[in-house]
Amino acid sequence: LSYNNIGSALHGQGKYEEAIKMFRQALEIRLDKLGNRHPDVALSYNNIGCALHGQGKCEEAIRMHEKALEIRLDNFGEKHPDVALSYYNVGCVLRRQVNYKEAMKAYRQALDIQLEVLGNRHTDVADTYHCMGNTLTKQNQHTKARVMFQE
């Protein structure tokens, strides 16, 4: 847990390389103690993916987020906030890669889950609508973007 917490603090400071080292140490311990299908292992993959995204290493980041997603789906099923988070994170990386169509698909998957399990007044839902609006704006779809921003 300490390696993960230190990694999170470093990530928050923009020290991505150092954060990745901490997250990888946490992952190594979790794999050893918990096995490769445990939700905490998914969290480590998620955190590594976020730090890689911060570095602009998008292909690696997507691989980490997809590993997290697979484990989360196995543990929680489709309708869980952590599954939605994985879809959301994949969407963020895809948007950075200017793959707007696939980013919107990932955001939509996240949003559908969030609306069902968290309700329409949760901050995660607002964040996803905001990212969808930004993605539509990047595609000059301003009318559709405005609808997302108003949700």
C-alpha atoms as a PDB file:
ATOM      1  CA  LEU A   1       0.000   0.000   0.000  1.00  0.00           C
ATOM      2  CA  SER A   2       2.837   2.420   0.778  1.00  0.00           C
ATOM      3  CA  TYR A   3       4.416   2.056  -2.674  1.00  0.00           C
ATOM      4  CA  ASN A   4       1.052   2.813  -4.230  1.00  0.00           C
ATOM      5  CA  ASN A   5       0.513   5.857  -2.007  1.00  0.00           C
ATOM      6  CA  ILE A   6       4.004   7.194  -2.712  1.00  0.00           C
ATOM      7  CA  GLY A   7       3.381   6.616  -6.429  1.00  0.00           C
ATOM      8  CA  SER A   8       0.124   8.544  -6.225  1.00  0.00           C
ATOM      9  CA  ALA A   9       1.860  11.471  -4.519  1.00  0.00           C
ATOM     10  CA  LEU A  10       4.616  11.483  -7.150  1.00  0.00           C
ATOM     11  CA  HIS A  11       2.036  11.268  -9.924  1.00  0.00           C
ATOM     12  CA  GLY A  12       0.246  14.265  -8.461  1.00  0.00           C
ATOM     13  CA  GLN A  13       3.531  16.184  -8.616  1.00  0.00           C
ATOM     14  CA  GLY A  14       4.009  15.265 -12.277  1.00  0.00           C
ATOM     15  CA  LYS A  15       6.970  13.005 -11.456  1.00  0.00           C
ATOM     16  CA  TYR A  16       5.725  10.244 -13.703  1.00  0.00           C
ATOM     17  CA  GLU A  17       8.887   8.171 -14.038  1.00  0.00           C
ATOM     18  CA  GLU A  18       9.313   7.960 -10.272  1.00  0.00           C
ATOM     19  CA  ALA A  19       5.608   7.252  -9.857  1.00  0.00           C
ATOM     20  CA  ILE A  20       5.796   4.387 -12.346  1.00  0.00           C
ATOM     21  CA  LYS A  21       8.655   2.842 -10.365  1.00  0.00           C
ATOM     22  CA  MET A  22       6.560   2.944  -7.193  1.00  0.00           C
ATOM     23  CA  PHE A  23       3.455   1.625  -8.950  1.00  0.00           C
ATOM     24  CA  ARG A  24       5.479  -1.218 -10.484  1.00  0.00           C
ATOM     25  CA  GLN A  25       6.831  -2.160  -7.043  1.00  0.00           C
ATOM     26  CA  ALA A  26       3.293  -2.205  -5.705  1.00  0.00           C
ATOM     27  CA  LEU A  27       2.232  -4.326  -8.688  1.00  0.00           C
ATOM     28  CA  GLU A  28       5.052  -6.807  -8.120  1.00  0.00           C
ATOM     29  CA  ILE A  29       4.073  -7.269  -4.472  1.00  0.00           C
ATOM     30  CA  ARG A  30       0.382  -7.541  -5.281  1.00  0.00           C
ATOM     31  CA  LEU A  31       1.006 -10.124  -7.998  1.00  0.00           C
ATOM     32  CA  ASP A  32       3.115 -12.148  -5.586  1.00  0.00           C
ATOM     33  CA  LYS A  33       0.694 -11.963  -2.658  1.00  0.00           C
ATOM     34  CA  LEU A  34      -2.701 -11.740  -4.368  1.00  0.00           C
ATOM     35  CA  GLY A  35      -2.336 -13.362  -7.773  1.00  0.00           C
ATOM     36  CA  ASN A  36      -2.928 -11.841 -11.181  1.00  0.00           C
ATOM     37  CA  ARG A  37      -6.749 -11.535 -11.048  1.00  0.00           C
ATOM     38  CA  HIS A  38      -7.180  -9.516  -7.841  1.00  0.00           C
ATOM     39  CA  PRO A  39      -8.839  -6.057  -7.966  1.00  0.00           C
ATOM     40  CA  ASP A  40      -5.777  -4.489  -6.299  1.00  0.00           C
ATOM     41  CA  VAL A  41      -3.667  -5.770  -9.194  1.00  0.00           C
ATOM     42  CA  ALA A  42      -6.094  -3.998 -11.533  1.00  0.00           C
ATOM     43  CA  LEU A  43      -5.588  -0.826  -9.509  1.00  0.00           C
ATOM     44  CA  SER A  44      -1.829  -1.086 -10.002  1.00  0.00           C
ATOM     45  CA  TYR A  45      -2.256  -1.514 -13.765  1.00  0.00           C
ATOM     46  CA  ASN A  46      -4.636   1.445 -13.755  1.00  0.00           C
ATOM     47  CA  ASN A  47      -2.161   3.647 -11.903  1.00  0.00           C
ATOM     48  CA  ILE A  48       0.715   2.681 -14.188  1.00  0.00           C
ATOM     49  CA  GLY A  49      -1.515   3.454 -17.168  1.00  0.00           C
ATOM     50  CA  CYS A  50      -2.331   6.913 -15.805  1.00  0.00           C
ATOM     51  CA  ALA A  51       1.339   7.730 -15.250  1.00  0.00           C
ATOM     52  CA  LEU A  52       2.279   6.466 -18.718  1.00  0.00           C
ATOM     53  CA  HIS A  53      -0.499   8.615 -20.159  1.00  0.00           C
ATOM     54  CA  GLY A  54       1.003  11.577 -18.313  1.00  0.00           C
ATOM     55  CA  GLN A  55       4.286  10.853 -20.076  1.00  0.00           C
ATOM     56  CA  GLY A  56       2.567  10.644 -23.444  1.00  0.00           C
ATOM     57  CA  LYS A  57       3.284   6.913 -23.765  1.00  0.00           C
ATOM     58  CA  CYS A  58      -0.187   6.209 -25.055  1.00  0.00           C
ATOM     59  CA  GLU A  59       0.206   2.701 -26.470  1.00  0.00           C
ATOM     60  CA  GLU A  60       1.677   1.431 -23.206  1.00  0.00           C
ATOM     61  CA  ALA A  61      -0.963   3.312 -21.229  1.00  0.00           C
ATOM     62  CA  ILE A  62      -3.797   1.690 -23.184  1.00  0.00           C
ATOM     63  CA  ARG A  63      -2.291  -1.759 -22.599  1.00  0.00           C
ATOM     64  CA  MET A  64      -2.214  -1.116 -18.850  1.00  0.00           C
ATOM     65  CA  HIS A  65      -5.782   0.215 -18.786  1.00  0.00           C
ATOM     66  CA  GLU A  66      -6.994  -2.755 -20.817  1.00  0.00           C
ATOM     67  CA  LYS A  67      -5.341  -5.163 -18.350  1.00  0.00           C
ATOM     68  CA  ALA A  68      -7.078  -3.339 -15.504  1.00  0.00           C
ATOM     69  CA  LEU A  69     -10.381  -3.469 -17.383  1.00  0.00           C
ATOM     70  CA  GLU A  70     -10.117  -7.206 -18.012  1.00  0.00           C
ATOM     71  CA  ILE A  71      -9.461  -7.948 -14.347  1.00  0.00           C
ATOM     72  CA  ARG A  72     -12.233  -5.633 -13.211  1.00  0.00           C
ATOM     73  CA  LEU A  73     -14.737  -7.185 -15.596  1.00  0.00           C
ATOM     74  CA  ASP A  74     -13.801 -10.642 -14.277  1.00  0.00           C
ATOM     75  CA  ASN A  75     -14.223  -9.544 -10.663  1.00  0.00           C
ATOM     76  CA  PHE A  76     -17.132  -7.131 -10.798  1.00  0.00           C
ATOM     77  CA  GLY A  77     -19.006  -7.687 -14.044  1.00  0.00           C
ATOM     78  CA  GLU A  78     -19.966  -4.912 -16.439  1.00  0.00           C
ATOM     79  CA  LYS A  79     -21.932  -2.712 -14.008  1.00  0.00           C
ATOM     80  CA  HIS A  80     -19.344  -1.388 -11.546  1.00  0.00           C
ATOM     81  CA  PRO A  81     -17.754   2.051 -11.022  1.00  0.00           C
ATOM     82  CA  ASP A  82     -14.229   0.642 -11.393  1.00  0.00           C
ATOM     83  CA  VAL A  83     -15.145  -0.860 -14.769  1.00  0.00           C
ATOM     84  CA  ALA A  84     -16.508   2.542 -15.801  1.00  0.00           C
ATOM     85  CA  LEU A  85     -13.239   4.135 -14.660  1.00  0.00           C
ATOM     86  CA  SER A  86     -11.246   1.807 -16.886  1.00  0.00           C
ATOM     87  CA  TYR A  87     -13.388   2.667 -19.910  1.00  0.00           C
ATOM     88  CA  TYR A  88     -13.054   6.362 -19.054  1.00  0.00           C
ATOM     89  CA  ASN A  89      -9.260   6.111 -18.808  1.00  0.00           C
ATOM     90  CA  VAL A  90      -9.049   4.303 -22.151  1.00  0.00           C
ATOM     91  CA  GLY A  91     -11.165   7.111 -23.617  1.00  0.00           C
ATOM     92  CA  CYS A  92      -8.787   9.740 -22.261  1.00  0.00           C
ATOM     93  CA  VAL A  93      -5.764   8.071 -23.845  1.00  0.00           C
ATOM     94  CA  LEU A  94      -7.565   7.569 -27.157  1.00  0.00           C
ATOM     95  CA  ARG A  95      -8.553  11.235 -27.187  1.00  0.00           C
ATOM     96  CA  ARG A  96      -4.920  12.205 -26.664  1.00  0.00           C
ATOM     97  CA  GLN A  97      -4.077  10.021 -29.673  1.00  0.00           C
ATOM     98  CA  VAL A  98      -6.676  11.974 -31.674  1.00  0.00           C
ATOM     99  CA  ASN A  99      -8.712   8.783 -32.089  1.00  0.00           C
ATOM    100  CA  TYR A 100     -11.928  10.616 -31.348  1.00  0.00           C
ATOM    101  CA  LYS A 101     -14.362   7.980 -32.622  1.00  0.00           C
ATOM    102  CA  GLU A 102     -12.947   5.260 -30.370  1.00  0.00           C
ATOM    103  CA  ALA A 103     -12.574   7.701 -27.479  1.00  0.00           C
ATOM    104  CA  MET A 104     -16.273   8.529 -27.706  1.00  0.00           C
ATOM    105  CA  LYS A 105     -17.127   4.813 -27.683  1.00  0.00           C
ATOM    106  CA  ALA A 106     -15.082   4.299 -24.528  1.00  0.00           C
ATOM    107  CA  TYR A 107     -16.593   7.377 -22.879  1.00  0.00           C
ATOM    108  CA  ARG A 108     -20.084   6.171 -23.814  1.00  0.00           C
ATOM    109  CA  GLN A 109     -19.402   2.787 -22.199  1.00  0.00           C
ATOM    110  CA  ALA A 110     -18.178   4.542 -19.067  1.00  0.00           C
ATOM    111  CA  LEU A 111     -21.144   6.920 -19.024  1.00  0.00           C
ATOM    112  CA  ASP A 112     -23.744   4.178 -19.458  1.00  0.00           C
ATOM    113  CA  ILE A 113     -22.335   2.320 -16.462  1.00  0.00           C
ATOM    114  CA  GLN A 114     -21.956   5.478 -14.381  1.00  0.00           C
ATOM    115  CA  LEU A 115     -25.527   6.590 -15.004  1.00  0.00           C
ATOM    116  CA  GLU A 116     -26.851   3.180 -14.015  1.00  0.00           C
ATOM    117  CA  VAL A 117     -24.774   2.628 -10.882  1.00  0.00           C
ATOM    118  CA  LEU A 118     -23.988   6.168  -9.696  1.00  0.00           C
ATOM    119  CA  GLY A 119     -26.908   8.228 -10.960  1.00  0.00           C
ATOM    120  CA  ASN A 120     -26.895  11.390 -13.024  1.00  0.00           C
ATOM    121  CA  ARG A 121     -25.759  13.735 -10.248  1.00  0.00           C
ATOM    122  CA  HIS A 122     -22.407  12.081  -9.496  1.00  0.00           C
ATOM    123  CA  THR A 123     -19.166  13.948 -10.223  1.00  0.00           C
ATOM    124  CA  ASP A 124     -17.817  11.049 -12.307  1.00  0.00           C
ATOM    125  CA  VAL A 125     -20.805  11.426 -14.617  1.00  0.00           C
ATOM    126  CA  ALA A 126     -20.133  15.158 -14.933  1.00  0.00           C
ATOM    127  CA  ASP A 127     -16.464  14.479 -15.739  1.00  0.00           C
ATOM    128  CA  THR A 128     -17.398  12.010 -18.460  1.00  0.00           C
ATOM    129  CA  TYR A 129     -19.918  14.395 -20.038  1.00  0.00           C
ATOM    130  CA  HIS A 130     -17.233  17.097 -19.946  1.00  0.00           C
ATOM    131  CA  CYS A 131     -14.677  14.876 -21.704  1.00  0.00           C
ATOM    132  CA  MET A 132     -17.243  13.855 -24.294  1.00  0.00           C
ATOM    133  CA  GLY A 133     -18.020  17.522 -24.899  1.00  0.00           C
ATOM    134  CA  ASN A 134     -14.344  18.342 -25.304  1.00  0.00           C
ATOM    135  CA  THR A 135     -13.909  15.443 -27.712  1.00  0.00           C
ATOM    136  CA  LEU A 136     -16.835  16.638 -29.810  1.00  0.00           C
ATOM    137  CA  THR A 137     -15.452  20.184 -29.783  1.00  0.00           C
ATOM    138  CA  LYS A 138     -12.148  18.873 -31.153  1.00  0.00           C
ATOM    139  CA  GLN A 139     -14.189  17.455 -34.051  1.00  0.00           C
ATOM    140  CA  ASN A 140     -15.985  20.780 -34.620  1.00  0.00           C
ATOM    141  CA  GLN A 141     -19.268  19.236 -33.506  1.00  0.00           C
ATOM    142  CA  HIS A 142     -20.139  22.228 -31.366  1.00  0.00           C
ATOM    143  CA  THR A 143     -23.897  21.674 -31.154  1.00  0.00           C
ATOM    144  CA  LYS A 144     -23.450  18.113 -29.878  1.00  0.00           C
ATOM    145  CA  ALA A 145     -20.674  19.302 -27.565  1.00  0.00           C
ATOM    146  CA  ARG A 146     -22.967  21.923 -26.049  1.00  0.00           C
ATOM    147  CA  VAL A 147     -25.528  19.209 -25.250  1.00  0.00           C
ATOM    148  CA  MET A 148     -22.822  17.242 -23.395  1.00  0.00           C
ATOM    149  CA  PHE A 149     -21.698  20.307 -21.472  1.00  0.00           C
ATOM    150  CA  GLN A 150     -25.312  21.000 -20.451  1.00  0.00           C
ATOM    151  CA  GLU A 151     -25.910  17.497 -19.061  1.00  0.00           C
END
